[in-house]
Amino acid sequence: MIPQTITRTALWLSLGSWVGSWAFFAFVVSRVAFRVLPGDVAGDLAGILLIPLHWGGAALAFIAAIAAWALGRRGWLVWLPITLALLCIGSELFIAPEVAAVRPSTLGAAVTEETSRRFALVHAISLGLFLMIHVVSIGLVVGHARLDTLDRQLNQNA
């Protein structure tokens, strides 16, 4: 009973921390930053904050996958968080450096129309990937909550 409680706690803490931190960044931190700071400063801040969000998201997704597997869950509840973790890592290693390289605050006076277009493209890819990972991670919460509810109902009927 105690190992299952620890595993279930690890699952819910990892999912809650991951989904919560990404939601707080998306709906509070970034909005406030772009409202009160100059655009280039807010963008630099967002770029810096994405580093722990990507690495933390990857670590928490791996923990969620391991906990799900340890609880006897299989299929998409295990492989999906692993996929999302790899997307977090890929975004941090490949997309974030590209965004930083063509960010207007990085280039300063060297900004051209071409670099502006490149920034808009890679920023859109980064933002789209962030939102997709976030929405799918919420889907994982729903999937696990549904299974926990079904498990509880089965245990009550037994």
N, C-alpha and C. Protein backbone atom coordinates (compact mmCIF):
# COMPACT_ATOMS: atom_id res chain seq x y z
N MET A 1 0.82 -1.20 0.00
CA MET A 1 0.00 0.00 0.00
C MET A 1 0.86 1.26 0.00
N ILE A 2 1.92 1.29 0.81
CA ILE A 2 2.77 2.48 0.89
C ILE A 2 3.50 2.74 -0.44
N PRO A 3 4.10 1.71 -1.09
CA PRO A 3 4.75 1.99 -2.38
C PRO A 3 3.78 2.55 -3.42
N GLN A 4 2.55 2.03 -3.45
CA GLN A 4 1.59 2.54 -4.42
C GLN A 4 1.20 3.99 -4.09
N THR A 5 1.09 4.31 -2.82
CA THR A 5 0.78 5.69 -2.41
C THR A 5 1.91 6.62 -2.83
N ILE A 6 3.14 6.20 -2.62
CA ILE A 6 4.29 7.02 -3.03
C ILE A 6 4.31 7.19 -4.54
N THR A 7 4.06 6.12 -5.27
CA THR A 7 4.06 6.18 -6.74
C THR A 7 2.95 7.08 -7.25
N ARG A 8 1.76 6.93 -6.68
CA ARG A 8 0.63 7.77 -7.10
C ARG A 8 0.91 9.24 -6.76
N THR A 9 1.52 9.48 -5.61
CA THR A 9 1.89 10.85 -5.22
C THR A 9 2.90 11.42 -6.21
N ALA A 10 3.90 10.63 -6.59
CA ALA A 10 4.89 11.08 -7.57
C ALA A 10 4.23 11.41 -8.90
N LEU A 11 3.28 10.58 -9.31
CA LEU A 11 2.56 10.83 -10.57
C LEU A 11 1.83 12.17 -10.51
N TRP A 12 1.05 12.38 -9.45
CA TRP A 12 0.24 13.59 -9.38
C TRP A 12 1.06 14.84 -9.12
N LEU A 13 2.12 14.71 -8.32
CA LEU A 13 3.00 15.87 -8.12
C LEU A 13 3.72 16.25 -9.41
N SER A 14 4.19 15.25 -10.15
CA SER A 14 4.89 15.56 -11.41
C SER A 14 3.94 16.19 -12.41
N LEU A 15 2.75 15.63 -12.58
CA LEU A 15 1.80 16.21 -13.53
C LEU A 15 1.34 17.59 -13.09
N GLY A 16 1.04 17.75 -11.80
CA GLY A 16 0.58 19.04 -11.30
C GLY A 16 1.64 20.12 -11.40
N SER A 17 2.87 19.77 -11.07
CA SER A 17 3.97 20.74 -11.15
C SER A 17 4.24 21.14 -12.59
N TRP A 18 4.23 20.16 -13.47
CA TRP A 18 4.49 20.41 -14.89
C TRP A 18 3.39 21.28 -15.49
N VAL A 19 2.16 20.85 -15.39
CA VAL A 19 1.05 21.59 -15.98
C VAL A 19 0.91 22.96 -15.32
N GLY A 20 1.05 23.00 -14.01
CA GLY A 20 0.91 24.26 -13.28
C GLY A 20 1.97 25.27 -13.62
N SER A 21 3.22 24.84 -13.69
CA SER A 21 4.30 25.79 -13.99
C SER A 21 4.19 26.32 -15.41
N TRP A 22 3.81 25.45 -16.35
CA TRP A 22 3.66 25.91 -17.73
C TRP A 22 2.47 26.86 -17.85
N ALA A 23 1.38 26.57 -17.15
CA ALA A 23 0.21 27.45 -17.20
C ALA A 23 0.54 28.80 -16.55
N PHE A 24 1.24 28.78 -15.43
CA PHE A 24 1.60 30.02 -14.76
C PHE A 24 2.48 30.88 -15.67
N PHE A 25 3.43 30.25 -16.35
CA PHE A 25 4.28 30.99 -17.28
C PHE A 25 3.45 31.58 -18.42
N ALA A 26 2.60 30.74 -19.02
CA ALA A 26 1.84 31.18 -20.20
C ALA A 26 0.81 32.24 -19.88
N PHE A 27 0.11 32.08 -18.77
CA PHE A 27 -1.04 32.94 -18.50
C PHE A 27 -0.76 34.08 -17.53
N VAL A 28 0.36 34.01 -16.81
CA VAL A 28 0.65 35.06 -15.84
C VAL A 28 1.99 35.73 -16.16
N VAL A 29 3.07 34.99 -16.07
CA VAL A 29 4.40 35.58 -16.18
C VAL A 29 4.61 36.27 -17.53
N SER A 30 4.36 35.57 -18.62
CA SER A 30 4.63 36.18 -19.93
C SER A 30 3.71 37.37 -20.18
N ARG A 31 2.46 37.27 -19.78
CA ARG A 31 1.53 38.39 -20.00
C ARG A 31 1.95 39.62 -19.19
N VAL A 32 2.32 39.40 -17.94
CA VAL A 32 2.76 40.53 -17.10
C VAL A 32 4.06 41.11 -17.65
N ALA A 33 5.00 40.25 -18.01
CA ALA A 33 6.29 40.71 -18.52
C ALA A 33 6.11 41.60 -19.75
N PHE A 34 5.27 41.15 -20.70
CA PHE A 34 5.08 41.94 -21.92
C PHE A 34 4.22 43.18 -21.68
N ARG A 35 3.51 43.22 -20.57
CA ARG A 35 2.71 44.39 -20.25
C ARG A 35 3.54 45.48 -19.58
N VAL A 36 4.50 45.10 -18.73
CA VAL A 36 5.22 46.10 -17.93
C VAL A 36 6.66 46.35 -18.38
N LEU A 37 7.21 45.48 -19.21
CA LEU A 37 8.60 45.63 -19.66
C LEU A 37 8.64 45.97 -21.14
N PRO A 38 9.70 46.62 -21.59
CA PRO A 38 9.88 46.80 -23.03
C PRO A 38 9.91 45.43 -23.72
N GLY A 39 9.43 45.36 -24.94
CA GLY A 39 9.31 44.10 -25.67
C GLY A 39 10.58 43.27 -25.72
N ASP A 40 11.73 43.91 -25.97
CA ASP A 40 12.96 43.14 -26.06
C ASP A 40 13.37 42.58 -24.70
N VAL A 41 13.15 43.33 -23.64
CA VAL A 41 13.48 42.85 -22.29
C VAL A 41 12.54 41.71 -21.90
N ALA A 42 11.25 41.86 -22.18
CA ALA A 42 10.28 40.82 -21.88
C ALA A 42 10.60 39.54 -22.66
N GLY A 43 10.98 39.70 -23.92
CA GLY A 43 11.35 38.54 -24.73
C GLY A 43 12.59 37.84 -24.20
N ASP A 44 13.58 38.63 -23.78
CA ASP A 44 14.78 38.04 -23.18
C ASP A 44 14.43 37.30 -21.90
N LEU A 45 13.58 37.89 -21.07
CA LEU A 45 13.15 37.24 -19.83
C LEU A 45 12.42 35.93 -20.13
N ALA A 46 11.52 35.96 -21.08
CA ALA A 46 10.78 34.74 -21.45
C ALA A 46 11.74 33.66 -21.93
N GLY A 47 12.73 34.04 -22.73
CA GLY A 47 13.71 33.07 -23.20
C GLY A 47 14.49 32.43 -22.06
N ILE A 48 14.87 33.24 -21.09
CA ILE A 48 15.60 32.73 -19.93
C ILE A 48 14.71 31.81 -19.10
N LEU A 49 13.45 32.18 -18.92
CA LEU A 49 12.54 31.37 -18.11
C LEU A 49 12.15 30.06 -18.79
N LEU A 50 12.22 30.03 -20.11
CA LEU A 50 11.90 28.78 -20.81
C LEU A 50 12.92 27.68 -20.55
N ILE A 51 14.14 28.05 -20.20
CA ILE A 51 15.17 27.03 -19.95
C ILE A 51 14.73 26.09 -18.82
N PRO A 52 14.43 26.59 -17.61
CA PRO A 52 14.00 25.65 -16.57
C PRO A 52 12.64 25.02 -16.87
N LEU A 53 11.78 25.71 -17.62
CA LEU A 53 10.50 25.10 -17.97
C LEU A 53 10.69 23.91 -18.89
N HIS A 54 11.57 24.03 -19.87
CA HIS A 54 11.84 22.89 -20.77
C HIS A 54 12.48 21.73 -20.03
N TRP A 55 13.57 22.01 -19.30
CA TRP A 55 14.27 20.93 -18.59
C TRP A 55 13.40 20.35 -17.48
N GLY A 56 12.71 21.22 -16.75
CA GLY A 56 11.81 20.73 -15.70
C GLY A 56 10.66 19.93 -16.27
N GLY A 57 10.10 20.42 -17.38
CA GLY A 57 9.01 19.70 -18.03
C GLY A 57 9.46 18.32 -18.48
N ALA A 58 10.66 18.23 -19.03
CA ALA A 58 11.18 16.93 -19.46
C ALA A 58 11.35 15.99 -18.26
N ALA A 59 11.95 16.49 -17.19
CA ALA A 59 12.17 15.65 -16.01
C ALA A 59 10.84 15.20 -15.41
N LEU A 60 9.90 16.12 -15.28
CA LEU A 60 8.60 15.77 -14.70
C LEU A 60 7.82 14.82 -15.60
N ALA A 61 7.96 14.97 -16.91
CA ALA A 61 7.30 14.04 -17.84
C ALA A 61 7.87 12.64 -17.70
N PHE A 62 9.20 12.53 -17.57
CA PHE A 62 9.80 11.21 -17.36
C PHE A 62 9.34 10.60 -16.05
N ILE A 63 9.25 11.40 -14.99
CA ILE A 63 8.75 10.91 -13.70
C ILE A 63 7.31 10.42 -13.85
N ALA A 64 6.48 11.18 -14.55
CA ALA A 64 5.09 10.77 -14.76
C ALA A 64 5.01 9.46 -15.52
N ALA A 65 5.85 9.29 -16.52
CA ALA A 65 5.85 8.04 -17.30
C ALA A 65 6.27 6.85 -16.44
N ILE A 66 7.31 7.04 -15.64
CA ILE A 66 7.79 5.96 -14.77
C ILE A 66 6.74 5.62 -13.72
N ALA A 67 6.13 6.63 -13.13
CA ALA A 67 5.09 6.39 -12.12
C ALA A 67 3.88 5.69 -12.74
N ALA A 68 3.48 6.12 -13.93
CA ALA A 68 2.35 5.47 -14.60
C ALA A 68 2.66 4.00 -14.86
N TRP A 69 3.87 3.73 -15.35
CA TRP A 69 4.27 2.35 -15.61
C TRP A 69 4.29 1.55 -14.31
N ALA A 70 4.80 2.13 -13.24
CA ALA A 70 4.86 1.44 -11.94
C ALA A 70 3.47 1.16 -11.39
N LEU A 71 2.50 1.97 -11.76
CA LEU A 71 1.11 1.75 -11.33
C LEU A 71 0.39 0.75 -12.23
N GLY A 72 1.10 0.21 -13.21
CA GLY A 72 0.50 -0.79 -14.10
C GLY A 72 -0.20 -0.21 -15.30
N ARG A 73 -0.02 1.07 -15.52
CA ARG A 73 -0.64 1.70 -16.68
C ARG A 73 0.26 1.51 -17.88
N ARG A 74 -0.35 1.34 -19.02
CA ARG A 74 0.42 1.10 -20.24
C ARG A 74 -0.11 1.98 -21.36
N GLY A 75 0.46 1.83 -22.52
CA GLY A 75 -0.01 2.54 -23.70
C GLY A 75 0.32 4.02 -23.65
N TRP A 76 -0.63 4.82 -24.12
CA TRP A 76 -0.38 6.25 -24.29
C TRP A 76 -0.07 6.96 -22.99
N LEU A 77 -0.52 6.43 -21.86
CA LEU A 77 -0.23 7.08 -20.57
C LEU A 77 1.23 6.95 -20.18
N VAL A 78 1.96 6.05 -20.85
CA VAL A 78 3.40 5.90 -20.61
C VAL A 78 4.20 6.52 -21.76
N TRP A 79 3.86 6.17 -23.00
CA TRP A 79 4.70 6.67 -24.11
C TRP A 79 4.47 8.15 -24.42
N LEU A 80 3.28 8.68 -24.15
CA LEU A 80 3.03 10.09 -24.46
C LEU A 80 3.89 11.03 -23.62
N PRO A 81 3.99 10.84 -22.28
CA PRO A 81 4.87 11.75 -21.54
C PRO A 81 6.34 11.62 -21.96
N ILE A 82 6.75 10.43 -22.36
CA ILE A 82 8.13 10.27 -22.86
C ILE A 82 8.32 11.08 -24.13
N THR A 83 7.34 11.02 -25.02
CA THR A 83 7.40 11.81 -26.26
C THR A 83 7.43 13.30 -25.95
N LEU A 84 6.58 13.73 -25.01
CA LEU A 84 6.56 15.15 -24.65
C LEU A 84 7.87 15.58 -24.01
N ALA A 85 8.47 14.71 -23.20
CA ALA A 85 9.78 15.02 -22.60
C ALA A 85 10.82 15.22 -23.69
N LEU A 86 10.81 14.36 -24.69
CA LEU A 86 11.77 14.49 -25.79
C LEU A 86 11.51 15.77 -26.59
N LEU A 87 10.26 16.15 -26.74
CA LEU A 87 9.94 17.41 -27.42
C LEU A 87 10.42 18.61 -26.61
N CYS A 88 10.29 18.55 -25.28
CA CYS A 88 10.82 19.63 -24.42
C CYS A 88 12.33 19.76 -24.61
N ILE A 89 13.02 18.62 -24.59
CA ILE A 89 14.47 18.63 -24.75
C ILE A 89 14.84 19.15 -26.14
N GLY A 90 14.14 18.67 -27.15
CA GLY A 90 14.41 19.13 -28.51
C GLY A 90 14.17 20.62 -28.68
N SER A 91 13.12 21.11 -28.06
CA SER A 91 12.84 22.54 -28.13
C SER A 91 13.96 23.35 -27.49
N GLU A 92 14.43 22.88 -26.35
CA GLU A 92 15.51 23.60 -25.65
C GLU A 92 16.83 23.53 -26.40
N LEU A 93 17.14 22.38 -26.97
CA LEU A 93 18.44 22.19 -27.63
C LEU A 93 18.49 22.75 -29.05
N PHE A 94 17.36 22.75 -29.74
CA PHE A 94 17.40 23.11 -31.16
C PHE A 94 16.60 24.37 -31.51
N ILE A 95 15.43 24.54 -30.95
CA ILE A 95 14.60 25.68 -31.33
C ILE A 95 14.97 26.93 -30.53
N ALA A 96 15.12 26.79 -29.21
CA ALA A 96 15.45 27.95 -28.37
C ALA A 96 16.73 28.66 -28.81
N PRO A 97 17.81 27.92 -29.14
CA PRO A 97 19.01 28.63 -29.60
C PRO A 97 18.79 29.39 -30.92
N GLU A 98 17.95 28.85 -31.77
CA GLU A 98 17.65 29.52 -33.03
C GLU A 98 16.85 30.80 -32.78
N VAL A 99 15.89 30.73 -31.87
CA VAL A 99 15.12 31.94 -31.50
C VAL A 99 16.07 32.98 -30.93
N ALA A 100 16.95 32.56 -30.02
CA ALA A 100 17.88 33.49 -29.38
C ALA A 100 18.83 34.12 -30.40
N ALA A 101 19.23 33.36 -31.40
CA ALA A 101 20.20 33.85 -32.39
C ALA A 101 19.62 34.96 -33.27
N VAL A 102 18.32 34.92 -33.51
CA VAL A 102 17.72 35.92 -34.39
C VAL A 102 16.78 36.86 -33.64
N ARG A 103 16.80 36.78 -32.31
CA ARG A 103 15.98 37.69 -31.50
C ARG A 103 16.46 39.12 -31.74
N PRO A 104 15.55 40.04 -31.96
CA PRO A 104 15.95 41.43 -32.23
C PRO A 104 16.87 42.01 -31.16
N SER A 105 16.67 41.65 -29.89
CA SER A 105 17.54 42.21 -28.85
C SER A 105 18.95 41.65 -28.95
N THR A 106 19.11 40.48 -29.54
CA THR A 106 20.44 39.91 -29.75
C THR A 106 21.15 40.60 -30.90
N LEU A 107 20.41 40.85 -31.98
CA LEU A 107 21.01 41.41 -33.19
C LEU A 107 21.19 42.93 -33.13
N GLY A 108 20.36 43.59 -32.35
CA GLY A 108 20.47 45.05 -32.25
C GLY A 108 20.30 45.73 -33.59
N ALA A 109 21.28 46.54 -33.94
CA ALA A 109 21.21 47.31 -35.19
C ALA A 109 21.36 46.43 -36.42
N ALA A 110 21.79 45.18 -36.25
CA ALA A 110 21.98 44.27 -37.39
C ALA A 110 20.69 43.58 -37.82
N VAL A 111 19.56 43.95 -37.22
CA VAL A 111 18.27 43.35 -37.60
C VAL A 111 17.96 43.74 -39.04
N THR A 112 17.60 42.73 -39.82
CA THR A 112 17.19 42.96 -41.21
C THR A 112 15.77 42.42 -41.39
N GLU A 113 15.23 42.67 -42.54
CA GLU A 113 13.91 42.13 -42.83
C GLU A 113 13.95 40.60 -42.82
N GLU A 114 15.03 40.05 -43.34
CA GLU A 114 15.18 38.59 -43.37
C GLU A 114 15.28 38.01 -41.95
N THR A 115 16.07 38.64 -41.08
CA THR A 115 16.18 38.12 -39.71
C THR A 115 14.87 38.31 -38.95
N SER A 116 14.14 39.36 -39.26
CA SER A 116 12.82 39.57 -38.64
C SER A 116 11.85 38.46 -39.04
N ARG A 117 11.87 38.10 -40.32
CA ARG A 117 11.02 37.00 -40.80
C ARG A 117 11.44 35.67 -40.16
N ARG A 118 12.75 35.46 -40.08
CA ARG A 118 13.27 34.22 -39.46
C ARG A 118 12.86 34.16 -37.99
N PHE A 119 12.98 35.27 -37.28
CA PHE A 119 12.57 35.31 -35.88
C PHE A 119 11.08 34.99 -35.75
N ALA A 120 10.26 35.61 -36.59
CA ALA A 120 8.81 35.36 -36.52
C ALA A 120 8.51 33.88 -36.75
N LEU A 121 9.20 33.25 -37.68
CA LEU A 121 8.96 31.84 -37.97
C LEU A 121 9.38 30.94 -36.81
N VAL A 122 10.62 31.09 -36.34
CA VAL A 122 11.08 30.19 -35.27
C VAL A 122 10.37 30.47 -33.95
N HIS A 123 9.99 31.72 -33.72
CA HIS A 123 9.22 32.05 -32.53
C HIS A 123 7.84 31.39 -32.60
N ALA A 124 7.21 31.41 -33.78
CA ALA A 124 5.91 30.77 -33.95
C ALA A 124 6.02 29.26 -33.74
N ILE A 125 7.08 28.66 -34.24
CA ILE A 125 7.30 27.22 -34.02
C ILE A 125 7.47 26.94 -32.53
N SER A 126 8.28 27.75 -31.87
CA SER A 126 8.52 27.58 -30.44
C SER A 126 7.22 27.73 -29.64
N LEU A 127 6.47 28.76 -29.94
CA LEU A 127 5.21 29.00 -29.25
C LEU A 127 4.20 27.88 -29.51
N GLY A 128 4.10 27.46 -30.76
CA GLY A 128 3.18 26.37 -31.11
C GLY A 128 3.54 25.07 -30.40
N LEU A 129 4.83 24.77 -30.35
CA LEU A 129 5.28 23.56 -29.67
C LEU A 129 5.00 23.64 -28.18
N PHE A 130 5.26 24.81 -27.58
CA PHE A 130 4.98 25.02 -26.16
C PHE A 130 3.49 24.78 -25.87
N LEU A 131 2.63 25.38 -26.66
CA LEU A 131 1.19 25.25 -26.45
C LEU A 131 0.72 23.82 -26.68
N MET A 132 1.25 23.16 -27.70
CA MET A 132 0.87 21.78 -27.97
C MET A 132 1.27 20.87 -26.82
N ILE A 133 2.51 21.02 -26.33
CA ILE A 133 2.97 20.21 -25.20
C ILE A 133 2.07 20.47 -23.99
N HIS A 134 1.73 21.73 -23.76
CA HIS A 134 0.91 22.07 -22.60
C HIS A 134 -0.48 21.46 -22.70
N VAL A 135 -1.12 21.58 -23.83
CA VAL A 135 -2.47 21.04 -24.01
C VAL A 135 -2.46 19.52 -23.87
N VAL A 136 -1.47 18.87 -24.47
CA VAL A 136 -1.40 17.41 -24.38
C VAL A 136 -1.09 16.97 -22.95
N SER A 137 -0.27 17.72 -22.23
CA SER A 137 0.00 17.36 -20.83
C SER A 137 -1.27 17.47 -19.99
N ILE A 138 -2.14 18.42 -20.30
CA ILE A 138 -3.44 18.50 -19.62
C ILE A 138 -4.27 17.26 -19.94
N GLY A 139 -4.16 16.79 -21.17
CA GLY A 139 -4.83 15.54 -21.55
C GLY A 139 -4.34 14.36 -20.73
N LEU A 140 -3.06 14.35 -20.41
CA LEU A 140 -2.53 13.29 -19.54
C LEU A 140 -3.16 13.35 -18.15
N VAL A 141 -3.33 14.55 -17.62
CA VAL A 141 -3.98 14.71 -16.32
C VAL A 141 -5.39 14.12 -16.37
N VAL A 142 -6.13 14.45 -17.42
CA VAL A 142 -7.50 13.95 -17.57
C VAL A 142 -7.49 12.42 -17.68
N GLY A 143 -6.57 11.88 -18.46
CA GLY A 143 -6.50 10.43 -18.62
C GLY A 143 -6.21 9.71 -17.31
N HIS A 144 -5.27 10.23 -16.55
CA HIS A 144 -4.95 9.61 -15.26
C HIS A 144 -6.08 9.80 -14.25
N ALA A 145 -6.71 10.95 -14.26
CA ALA A 145 -7.84 11.19 -13.35
C ALA A 145 -8.97 10.22 -13.66
N ARG A 146 -9.21 9.99 -14.93
CA ARG A 146 -10.26 9.04 -15.34
C ARG A 146 -9.93 7.64 -14.84
N LEU A 147 -8.69 7.21 -15.01
CA LEU A 147 -8.31 5.88 -14.53
C LEU A 147 -8.37 5.77 -13.02
N ASP A 148 -7.96 6.81 -12.31
CA ASP A 148 -8.06 6.80 -10.85
C ASP A 148 -9.52 6.67 -10.42
N THR A 149 -10.41 7.37 -11.12
CA THR A 149 -11.84 7.30 -10.80
C THR A 149 -12.37 5.89 -11.05
N LEU A 150 -11.99 5.32 -12.17
CA LEU A 150 -12.43 3.95 -12.49
C LEU A 150 -11.87 2.95 -11.47
N ASP A 151 -10.60 3.10 -11.09
CA ASP A 151 -9.99 2.24 -10.07
C ASP A 151 -10.74 2.34 -8.76
N ARG A 152 -11.06 3.55 -8.36
CA ARG A 152 -11.78 3.77 -7.09
C ARG A 152 -13.17 3.12 -7.15
N GLN A 153 -13.87 3.27 -8.28
CA GLN A 153 -15.18 2.67 -8.41
C GLN A 153 -15.11 1.15 -8.36
N LEU A 154 -14.09 0.57 -9.01
CA LEU A 154 -13.91 -0.87 -8.98
C LEU A 154 -13.62 -1.38 -7.58
N ASN A 155 -12.78 -0.64 -6.85
CA ASN A 155 -12.44 -1.03 -5.48
C ASN A 155 -13.63 -0.92 -4.55
N GLN A 156 -14.50 0.06 -4.77
CA GLN A 156 -15.70 0.22 -3.94
C GLN A 156 -16.72 -0.88 -4.20
N ASN A 157 -16.77 -1.33 -5.46
CA ASN A 157 -17.73 -2.37 -5.84
C ASN A 157 -17.21 -3.77 -5.49
N ALA A 158 -15.95 -3.88 -5.21
CA ALA A 158 -15.38 -5.21 -4.92
C ALA A 158 -15.63 -5.66 -3.51
